């Protein structure tokens, strides 16, 4: 084999090796960029959900505060309930994005938040109904039950935060 042919073959092999390395590097970079994009979308979905939960919980607290009065202002209670309902819809929309973005175990934790929230909402609705009926006989029991369910909701949201943090931090 003459020196010219050997040089040509060497250059061709070198070029192919460089091209192969560039392709591998490009694929790895594309994969890393896709993972970063995925984490960002998940982070945005989870943050939006937590923000909607926060706003809705503040609205629920406002309803419960209005109901604690000896003689609640029913118009004020109804206004606060109306605000709560609108914010609850926002939570449901945000939960759909969390379910869409996944992963499935995190969607299951979000479902636990939904159940805990619904459980507290049931107590709130009963309290509103009783206030409209002028029935204060269950007020202490309902207030205690609401506090218990608020703690359960807090724990479910805390679990969601931890699961979201683990999901965002993972590379899968």
C-alpha atoms as a PDB file:
ATOM      1  CA  UNK A   1       0.000   0.000   0.000  1.00  0.00           C
ATOM      2  CA  UNK A   2       1.534   3.292  -0.971  1.00  0.00           C
ATOM      3  CA  UNK A   3       1.741   6.262   1.397  1.00  0.00           C
ATOM      4  CA  UNK A   4      -0.907   8.295  -0.466  1.00  0.00           C
ATOM      5  CA  UNK A   5      -3.519   5.552  -0.231  1.00  0.00           C
ATOM      6  CA  UNK A   6      -2.704   4.958   3.438  1.00  0.00           C
ATOM      7  CA  UNK A   7      -3.083   8.681   4.147  1.00  0.00           C
ATOM      8  CA  UNK A   8      -6.400   8.748   2.295  1.00  0.00           C
ATOM      9  CA  UNK A   9      -7.684   5.708   4.192  1.00  0.00           C
ATOM     10  CA  UNK A  10      -6.468   7.214   7.469  1.00  0.00           C
ATOM     11  CA  UNK A  11      -8.264  10.480   6.715  1.00  0.00           C
ATOM     12  CA  UNK A  12     -11.452   8.602   5.793  1.00  0.00           C
ATOM     13  CA  UNK A  13     -11.368   6.536   8.990  1.00  0.00           C
ATOM     14  CA  UNK A  14     -10.654   9.668  11.022  1.00  0.00           C
ATOM     15  CA  UNK A  15     -13.527  11.495   9.356  1.00  0.00           C
ATOM     16  CA  UNK A  16     -15.911   8.602   9.989  1.00  0.00           C
ATOM     17  CA  UNK A  17     -14.820   8.404  13.626  1.00  0.00           C
ATOM     18  CA  UNK A  18     -15.301  12.153  14.018  1.00  0.00           C
ATOM     19  CA  UNK A  19     -18.717  11.971  12.356  1.00  0.00           C
ATOM     20  CA  UNK A  20     -19.728   9.045  14.584  1.00  0.00           C
ATOM     21  CA  UNK A  21     -18.570  10.869  17.694  1.00  0.00           C
ATOM     22  CA  UNK A  22     -20.442  13.985  16.617  1.00  0.00           C
ATOM     23  CA  UNK A  23     -23.625  11.965  16.070  1.00  0.00           C
ATOM     24  CA  UNK A  24     -23.339  10.301  19.476  1.00  0.00           C
ATOM     25  CA  UNK A  25     -22.640  13.641  21.116  1.00  0.00           C
ATOM     26  CA  UNK A  26     -25.526  15.264  19.275  1.00  0.00           C
ATOM     27  CA  UNK A  27     -27.937  12.514  20.376  1.00  0.00           C
ATOM     28  CA  UNK A  28     -26.780  12.796  23.980  1.00  0.00           C
ATOM     29  CA  UNK A  29     -27.207  16.566  23.875  1.00  0.00           C
ATOM     30  CA  UNK A  30     -30.673  16.251  22.315  1.00  0.00           C
ATOM     31  CA  UNK A  31     -31.664  13.729  24.994  1.00  0.00           C
ATOM     32  CA  UNK A  32     -30.399  16.032  27.761  1.00  0.00           C
ATOM     33  CA  UNK A  33     -32.254  19.001  26.262  1.00  0.00           C
ATOM     34  CA  UNK A  34     -35.440  16.960  26.010  1.00  0.00           C
ATOM     35  CA  UNK A  35     -35.123  15.895  29.672  1.00  0.00           C
ATOM     36  CA  UNK A  36     -34.600  19.539  30.701  1.00  0.00           C
ATOM     37  CA  UNK A  37     -37.631  20.591  28.641  1.00  0.00           C
ATOM     38  CA  UNK A  38     -39.703  17.819  30.256  1.00  0.00           C
ATOM     39  CA  UNK A  39     -38.606  18.811  33.774  1.00  0.00           C
ATOM     40  CA  UNK A  40     -39.485  22.436  33.058  1.00  0.00           C
ATOM     41  CA  UNK A  41     -42.984  21.543  31.816  1.00  0.00           C
ATOM     42  CA  UNK A  42     -43.553  19.357  34.841  1.00  0.00           C
ATOM     43  CA  UNK A  43     -42.233  22.037  37.183  1.00  0.00           C
ATOM     44  CA  UNK A  44     -44.607  24.570  35.610  1.00  0.00           C
ATOM     45  CA  UNK A  45     -47.567  22.168  35.886  1.00  0.00           C
ATOM     46  CA  UNK A  46     -46.821  21.309  39.509  1.00  0.00           C
ATOM     47  CA  UNK A  47     -46.219  24.930  40.480  1.00  0.00           C
ATOM     48  CA  UNK A  48     -49.470  25.972  38.773  1.00  0.00           C
ATOM     49  CA  UNK A  49     -51.347  23.271  40.655  1.00  0.00           C
ATOM     50  CA  UNK A  50     -49.846  24.256  44.008  1.00  0.00           C
ATOM     51  CA  UNK A  51     -50.607  27.915  43.312  1.00  0.00           C
ATOM     52  CA  UNK A  52     -54.238  27.122  42.443  1.00  0.00           C
ATOM     53  CA  UNK A  53     -54.521  24.997  45.598  1.00  0.00           C
ATOM     54  CA  UNK A  54     -53.134  27.837  47.672  1.00  0.00           C
ATOM     55  CA  UNK A  55     -55.590  30.388  46.268  1.00  0.00           C
ATOM     56  CA  UNK A  56     -58.515  28.002  46.711  1.00  0.00           C
ATOM     57  CA  UNK A  57     -57.473  27.190  50.285  1.00  0.00           C
ATOM     58  CA  UNK A  58     -57.355  30.882  51.158  1.00  0.00           C
ATOM     59  CA  UNK A  59     -60.872  31.227  49.761  1.00  0.00           C
ATOM     60  CA  UNK A  60     -62.034  28.235  51.814  1.00  0.00           C
ATOM     61  CA  UNK A  61     -60.485  29.735  54.936  1.00  0.00           C
ATOM     62  CA  UNK A  62     -62.427  32.929  54.221  1.00  0.00           C
ATOM     63  CA  UNK A  63     -65.694  30.959  54.036  1.00  0.00           C
ATOM     64  CA  UNK A  64     -64.918  29.117  57.262  1.00  0.00           C
ATOM     65  CA  UNK A  65     -63.954  32.382  58.989  1.00  0.00           C
ATOM     66  CA  UNK A  66     -67.243  33.977  57.947  1.00  0.00           C
ATOM     67  CA  UNK A  67     -69.126  30.957  59.295  1.00  0.00           C
ATOM     68  CA  UNK A  68     -67.417  31.179  62.711  1.00  0.00           C
ATOM     69  CA  UNK A  69     -69.334  34.340  63.615  1.00  0.00           C
ATOM     70  CA  UNK A  70     -72.159  33.872  66.094  1.00  0.00           C
ATOM     71  CA  UNK A  71     -74.558  35.145  63.447  1.00  0.00           C
ATOM     72  CA  UNK A  72     -72.837  34.836  60.063  1.00  0.00           C
ATOM     73  CA  UNK A  73     -73.585  37.449  57.406  1.00  0.00           C
ATOM     74  CA  UNK A  74     -75.150  35.087  54.868  1.00  0.00           C
ATOM     75  CA  UNK A  75     -74.619  37.432  51.922  1.00  0.00           C
ATOM     76  CA  UNK A  76     -70.918  37.590  52.784  1.00  0.00           C
ATOM     77  CA  UNK A  77     -70.794  33.805  53.204  1.00  0.00           C
ATOM     78  CA  UNK A  78     -72.447  33.320  49.809  1.00  0.00           C
ATOM     79  CA  UNK A  79     -69.999  35.737  48.142  1.00  0.00           C
ATOM     80  CA  UNK A  80     -67.082  33.861  49.652  1.00  0.00           C
ATOM     81  CA  UNK A  81     -68.542  30.516  48.604  1.00  0.00           C
ATOM     82  CA  UNK A  82     -68.941  31.825  45.055  1.00  0.00           C
ATOM     83  CA  UNK A  83     -65.265  32.864  45.001  1.00  0.00           C
ATOM     84  CA  UNK A  84     -64.281  29.488  46.430  1.00  0.00           C
ATOM     85  CA  UNK A  85     -66.197  27.641  43.685  1.00  0.00           C
ATOM     86  CA  UNK A  86     -64.449  29.624  40.950  1.00  0.00           C
ATOM     87  CA  UNK A  87     -61.046  28.875  42.438  1.00  0.00           C
ATOM     88  CA  UNK A  88     -61.945  25.203  42.902  1.00  0.00           C
ATOM     89  CA  UNK A  89     -62.531  25.022  39.154  1.00  0.00           C
ATOM     90  CA  UNK A  90     -59.042  26.427  38.609  1.00  0.00           C
ATOM     91  CA  UNK A  91     -57.647  23.667  40.829  1.00  0.00           C
ATOM     92  CA  UNK A  92     -59.417  21.045  38.727  1.00  0.00           C
ATOM     93  CA  UNK A  93     -57.965  22.539  35.535  1.00  0.00           C
ATOM     94  CA  UNK A  94     -54.478  22.587  37.039  1.00  0.00           C
ATOM     95  CA  UNK A  95     -54.910  18.994  38.251  1.00  0.00           C
ATOM     96  CA  UNK A  96     -55.681  17.902  34.695  1.00  0.00           C
ATOM     97  CA  UNK A  97     -52.331  19.318  33.564  1.00  0.00           C
ATOM     98  CA  UNK A  98     -50.570  17.468  36.405  1.00  0.00           C
ATOM     99  CA  UNK A  99     -52.266  14.238  35.318  1.00  0.00           C
ATOM    100  CA  UNK A 100     -51.262  14.898  31.716  1.00  0.00           C
ATOM    101  CA  UNK A 101     -47.634  15.667  32.542  1.00  0.00           C
ATOM    102  CA  UNK A 102     -47.370  12.715  34.931  1.00  0.00           C
ATOM    103  CA  UNK A 103     -45.854  10.496  35.963  1.00  0.00           C
ATOM    104  CA  UNK A 104     -48.660   8.222  37.149  1.00  0.00           C
ATOM    105  CA  UNK A 105     -47.478   7.970  40.791  1.00  0.00           C
ATOM    106  CA  UNK A 106     -47.581  11.761  41.089  1.00  0.00           C
ATOM    107  CA  UNK A 107     -51.068  11.852  39.578  1.00  0.00           C
ATOM    108  CA  UNK A 108     -52.102   9.383  42.304  1.00  0.00           C
ATOM    109  CA  UNK A 109     -50.781  11.735  44.986  1.00  0.00           C
ATOM    110  CA  UNK A 110     -52.700  14.595  43.342  1.00  0.00           C
ATOM    111  CA  UNK A 111     -55.819  12.415  43.509  1.00  0.00           C
ATOM    112  CA  UNK A 112     -55.287  12.044  47.272  1.00  0.00           C
ATOM    113  CA  UNK A 113     -55.168  15.834  47.493  1.00  0.00           C
ATOM    114  CA  UNK A 114     -58.445  15.988  45.557  1.00  0.00           C
ATOM    115  CA  UNK A 115     -60.114  13.505  47.911  1.00  0.00           C
ATOM    116  CA  UNK A 116     -58.894  15.359  51.007  1.00  0.00           C
ATOM    117  CA  UNK A 117     -60.057  18.652  49.538  1.00  0.00           C
ATOM    118  CA  UNK A 118     -63.472  17.235  48.654  1.00  0.00           C
ATOM    119  CA  UNK A 119     -63.826  15.879  52.161  1.00  0.00           C
ATOM    120  CA  UNK A 120     -63.174  19.322  53.629  1.00  0.00           C
ATOM    121  CA  UNK A 121     -65.483  20.962  51.081  1.00  0.00           C
ATOM    122  CA  UNK A 122     -68.307  18.652  52.174  1.00  0.00           C
ATOM    123  CA  UNK A 123     -67.988  19.923  55.739  1.00  0.00           C
ATOM    124  CA  UNK A 124     -67.903  23.517  54.513  1.00  0.00           C
ATOM    125  CA  UNK A 125     -71.067  22.980  52.426  1.00  0.00           C
ATOM    126  CA  UNK A 126     -72.860  21.442  55.417  1.00  0.00           C
ATOM    127  CA  UNK A 127     -71.840  24.407  57.539  1.00  0.00           C
ATOM    128  CA  UNK A 128     -73.163  26.821  54.900  1.00  0.00           C
ATOM    129  CA  UNK A 129     -76.439  24.899  54.673  1.00  0.00           C
ATOM    130  CA  UNK A 130     -76.803  24.934  58.451  1.00  0.00           C
ATOM    131  CA  UNK A 131     -76.050  28.670  58.583  1.00  0.00           C
ATOM    132  CA  UNK A 132     -78.756  29.339  55.998  1.00  0.00           C
ATOM    133  CA  UNK A 133     -81.184  27.220  58.023  1.00  0.00           C
ATOM    134  CA  UNK A 134     -80.274  29.125  61.182  1.00  0.00           C
ATOM    135  CA  UNK A 135     -79.145  25.845  62.782  1.00  0.00           C
ATOM    136  CA  UNK A 136     -76.093  26.319  64.997  1.00  0.00           C
ATOM    137  CA  UNK A 137     -76.497  23.015  66.844  1.00  0.00           C
ATOM    138  CA  UNK A 138     -73.688  21.282  64.934  1.00  0.00           C
ATOM    139  CA  UNK A 139     -71.361  24.276  64.756  1.00  0.00           C
ATOM    140  CA  UNK A 140     -68.769  23.038  67.306  1.00  0.00           C
ATOM    141  CA  UNK A 141     -68.677  19.525  65.822  1.00  0.00           C
ATOM    142  CA  UNK A 142     -68.490  20.853  62.277  1.00  0.00           C
ATOM    143  CA  UNK A 143     -65.697  23.266  63.215  1.00  0.00           C
ATOM    144  CA  UNK A 144     -63.719  20.418  64.802  1.00  0.00           C
ATOM    145  CA  UNK A 145     -64.324  18.196  61.768  1.00  0.00           C
ATOM    146  CA  UNK A 146     -63.256  21.011  59.439  1.00  0.00           C
ATOM    147  CA  UNK A 147     -60.027  21.465  61.414  1.00  0.00           C
ATOM    148  CA  UNK A 148     -59.332  17.724  61.239  1.00  0.00           C
ATOM    149  CA  UNK A 149     -59.918  17.648  57.503  1.00  0.00           C
ATOM    150  CA  UNK A 150     -57.797  20.772  56.997  1.00  0.00           C
ATOM    151  CA  UNK A 151     -54.908  18.912  58.645  1.00  0.00           C
ATOM    152  CA  UNK A 152     -55.493  15.903  56.362  1.00  0.00           C
ATOM    153  CA  UNK A 153     -55.509  18.203  53.330  1.00  0.00           C
ATOM    154  CA  UNK A 154     -52.308  19.872  54.506  1.00  0.00           C
ATOM    155  CA  UNK A 155     -50.625  16.460  54.794  1.00  0.00           C
ATOM    156  CA  UNK A 156     -51.817  15.436  51.311  1.00  0.00           C
ATOM    157  CA  UNK A 157     -50.494  18.680  49.810  1.00  0.00           C
ATOM    158  CA  UNK A 158     -47.208  18.187  51.646  1.00  0.00           C
ATOM    159  CA  UNK A 159     -46.965  14.681  50.134  1.00  0.00           C
ATOM    160  CA  UNK A 160     -47.665  16.145  46.699  1.00  0.00           C
ATOM    161  CA  UNK A 161     -44.866  18.691  47.125  1.00  0.00           C
ATOM    162  CA  UNK A 162     -42.383  15.971  48.084  1.00  0.00           C
ATOM    163  CA  UNK A 163     -43.447  13.718  45.207  1.00  0.00           C
ATOM    164  CA  UNK A 164     -43.233  16.639  42.772  1.00  0.00           C
ATOM    165  CA  UNK A 165     -39.770  17.526  44.020  1.00  0.00           C
ATOM    166  CA  UNK A 166     -38.610  13.916  43.543  1.00  0.00           C
ATOM    167  CA  UNK A 167     -40.158  13.807  40.045  1.00  0.00           C
ATOM    168  CA  UNK A 168     -38.575  17.066  38.945  1.00  0.00           C
ATOM    169  CA  UNK A 169     -35.210  16.025  40.364  1.00  0.00           C
ATOM    170  CA  UNK A 170     -35.199  12.643  38.644  1.00  0.00           C
ATOM    171  CA  UNK A 171     -33.650  12.158  35.237  1.00  0.00           C
ATOM    172  CA  UNK A 172     -36.275   9.711  33.982  1.00  0.00           C
END
